[in-house]
């Protein structure tokens, strides 16, 4: 069996393992295996094929980790509008209770809204800044 065929089989195994486990890192590793297969087709020796597989696969894993790390840093779910579609939406509040909360109808249900620290309690439009359980933390806009 040709060396390139072995690399292609290993690439297929890595892709199949990724499909079963759901981790994207195995696809990056499979890129390295495919690069080694291409090196074998070009006539490079086994040592060079291994180095190419390690560099391409390892580099792709590191690049993916760094790219993914930059995107996931920051807001947790209660502040993240990608997770909670209500964050950043506007609601109208008629009146506030003495404790800084109120009930507000939003998307067909009643929610408790609480003022964000430093916001003034008056009637008007407010933006949802955070969601904690069934409580909106809002600020005046």
Protein backbone atom coordinates (compact mmCIF):
# COMPACT_ATOMS: atom_id res chain seq x y z
CA UNK A 1 0.00 0.00 0.00
CA UNK A 2 1.33 3.44 -0.92
CA UNK A 3 2.34 5.81 1.88
CA UNK A 4 -0.14 8.43 0.70
CA UNK A 5 -3.00 5.93 0.99
CA UNK A 6 -2.10 5.28 4.63
CA UNK A 7 -2.18 9.03 5.32
CA UNK A 8 -5.55 9.35 3.54
CA UNK A 9 -6.97 6.48 5.61
CA UNK A 10 -5.73 8.13 8.81
CA UNK A 11 -7.32 11.38 7.64
CA UNK A 12 -10.63 9.56 7.15
CA UNK A 13 -10.37 7.99 10.62
CA UNK A 14 -9.76 11.43 12.17
CA UNK A 15 -12.76 12.92 10.33
CA UNK A 16 -14.96 9.98 11.38
CA UNK A 17 -13.81 10.38 14.99
CA UNK A 18 -14.67 14.09 14.80
CA UNK A 19 -18.15 13.26 13.55
CA UNK A 20 -18.68 10.89 16.48
CA UNK A 21 -17.25 13.19 19.17
CA UNK A 22 -18.19 16.63 17.83
CA UNK A 23 -14.82 18.26 18.53
CA UNK A 24 -13.54 20.58 15.86
CA UNK A 25 -9.91 20.00 16.88
CA UNK A 26 -9.87 16.59 15.21
CA UNK A 27 -10.64 18.28 11.89
CA UNK A 28 -7.60 20.49 12.36
CA UNK A 29 -5.56 17.37 13.10
CA UNK A 30 -7.00 15.79 9.93
CA UNK A 31 -5.66 18.76 7.95
CA UNK A 32 -2.17 17.80 9.09
CA UNK A 33 -2.73 14.20 8.04
CA UNK A 34 -3.97 15.33 4.62
CA UNK A 35 -0.88 17.55 4.25
CA UNK A 36 1.28 14.52 5.00
CA UNK A 37 -0.60 12.58 2.30
CA UNK A 38 0.15 15.34 -0.17
CA UNK A 39 3.81 15.28 0.87
CA UNK A 40 3.87 11.52 0.27
CA UNK A 41 2.42 12.05 -3.21
CA UNK A 42 5.17 14.59 -3.92
CA UNK A 43 7.80 11.98 -3.01
CA UNK A 44 9.02 13.30 0.35
CA UNK A 45 10.41 10.81 2.84
CA UNK A 46 8.58 9.48 5.88
CA UNK A 47 10.44 11.79 8.28
CA UNK A 48 9.46 14.85 6.23
CA UNK A 49 5.86 13.63 6.03
CA UNK A 50 5.73 13.33 9.83
CA UNK A 51 7.18 16.83 10.27
CA UNK A 52 4.68 18.29 7.79
CA UNK A 53 1.80 16.51 9.53
CA UNK A 54 2.95 17.84 12.90
CA UNK A 55 3.47 21.41 11.69
CA UNK A 56 0.24 21.70 9.69
CA UNK A 57 -1.96 19.79 12.17
CA UNK A 58 -0.42 21.36 15.26
CA UNK A 59 -0.46 24.81 13.69
CA UNK A 60 -4.12 24.45 12.72
CA UNK A 61 -5.03 23.32 16.26
CA UNK A 62 -3.16 26.26 17.81
CA UNK A 63 -4.68 28.71 15.32
CA UNK A 64 -8.19 27.38 15.98
CA UNK A 65 -7.66 27.54 19.75
CA UNK A 66 -6.44 31.14 19.55
CA UNK A 67 -9.25 32.18 17.19
CA UNK A 68 -11.90 30.50 19.32
CA UNK A 69 -10.40 31.89 22.52
CA UNK A 70 -10.68 35.47 21.28
CA UNK A 71 -14.34 35.05 20.39
CA UNK A 72 -15.41 33.40 23.63
CA UNK A 73 -13.68 35.83 25.99
CA UNK A 74 -15.90 38.48 27.45
CA UNK A 75 -19.51 38.34 28.40
CA UNK A 76 -21.10 35.42 30.16
CA UNK A 77 -24.58 34.25 29.16
CA UNK A 78 -26.54 36.70 31.30
CA UNK A 79 -24.92 39.64 29.46
CA UNK A 80 -24.49 38.06 26.02
CA UNK A 81 -27.05 38.97 23.34
CA UNK A 82 -25.89 35.98 21.27
CA UNK A 83 -27.26 33.72 24.03
CA UNK A 84 -30.23 35.80 25.25
CA UNK A 85 -31.94 37.52 22.34
CA UNK A 86 -33.74 39.89 24.71
CA UNK A 87 -30.55 41.65 25.80
CA UNK A 88 -30.38 45.04 24.12
CA UNK A 89 -34.14 45.17 23.47
CA UNK A 90 -36.24 48.15 24.53
CA UNK A 91 -39.17 47.99 26.93
CA UNK A 92 -41.48 50.71 28.21
CA UNK A 93 -41.98 51.04 31.97
CA UNK A 94 -44.89 53.08 33.36
CA UNK A 95 -44.02 53.22 37.05
CA UNK A 96 -41.57 51.84 39.57
CA UNK A 97 -42.10 50.42 43.04
CA UNK A 98 -40.20 51.84 46.02
CA UNK A 99 -37.70 48.95 46.00
CA UNK A 100 -36.57 49.75 42.43
CA UNK A 101 -38.47 46.94 40.73
CA UNK A 102 -41.54 46.74 38.54
CA UNK A 103 -43.57 44.21 36.58
CA UNK A 104 -43.47 44.54 32.82
CA UNK A 105 -45.26 42.67 30.02
CA UNK A 106 -42.78 41.48 27.45
CA UNK A 107 -43.15 38.79 24.76
CA UNK A 108 -46.44 37.53 26.14
CA UNK A 109 -45.45 37.11 29.79
CA UNK A 110 -44.86 39.19 32.89
CA UNK A 111 -41.26 39.83 33.91
CA UNK A 112 -39.75 41.56 36.90
CA UNK A 113 -37.55 44.48 35.91
CA UNK A 114 -34.94 45.96 38.21
CA UNK A 115 -32.99 49.17 37.76
CA UNK A 116 -29.32 48.90 36.96
CA UNK A 117 -27.16 50.61 39.57
CA UNK A 118 -26.90 54.31 38.84
CA UNK A 119 -30.09 54.50 36.75
CA UNK A 120 -32.98 56.80 37.65
CA UNK A 121 -36.48 55.42 38.27
CA UNK A 122 -38.90 57.26 36.00
CA UNK A 123 -41.42 56.30 33.34
CA UNK A 124 -40.00 55.79 29.89
CA UNK A 125 -38.03 53.51 27.62
CA UNK A 126 -35.42 51.21 29.09
CA UNK A 127 -32.91 48.84 27.54
CA UNK A 128 -32.49 45.29 28.86
CA UNK A 129 -28.85 45.03 29.94
CA UNK A 130 -28.81 41.70 31.74
CA UNK A 131 -31.10 38.76 32.46
CA UNK A 132 -30.85 36.92 35.77
CA UNK A 133 -33.39 34.10 35.88
CA UNK A 134 -36.73 35.79 35.18
CA UNK A 135 -35.52 39.27 36.12
CA UNK A 136 -34.47 41.98 33.66
CA UNK A 137 -31.78 44.41 34.74
CA UNK A 138 -32.55 47.58 32.80
CA UNK A 139 -31.10 51.03 32.24
CA UNK A 140 -32.74 54.22 31.03
CA UNK A 141 -32.17 55.19 27.41
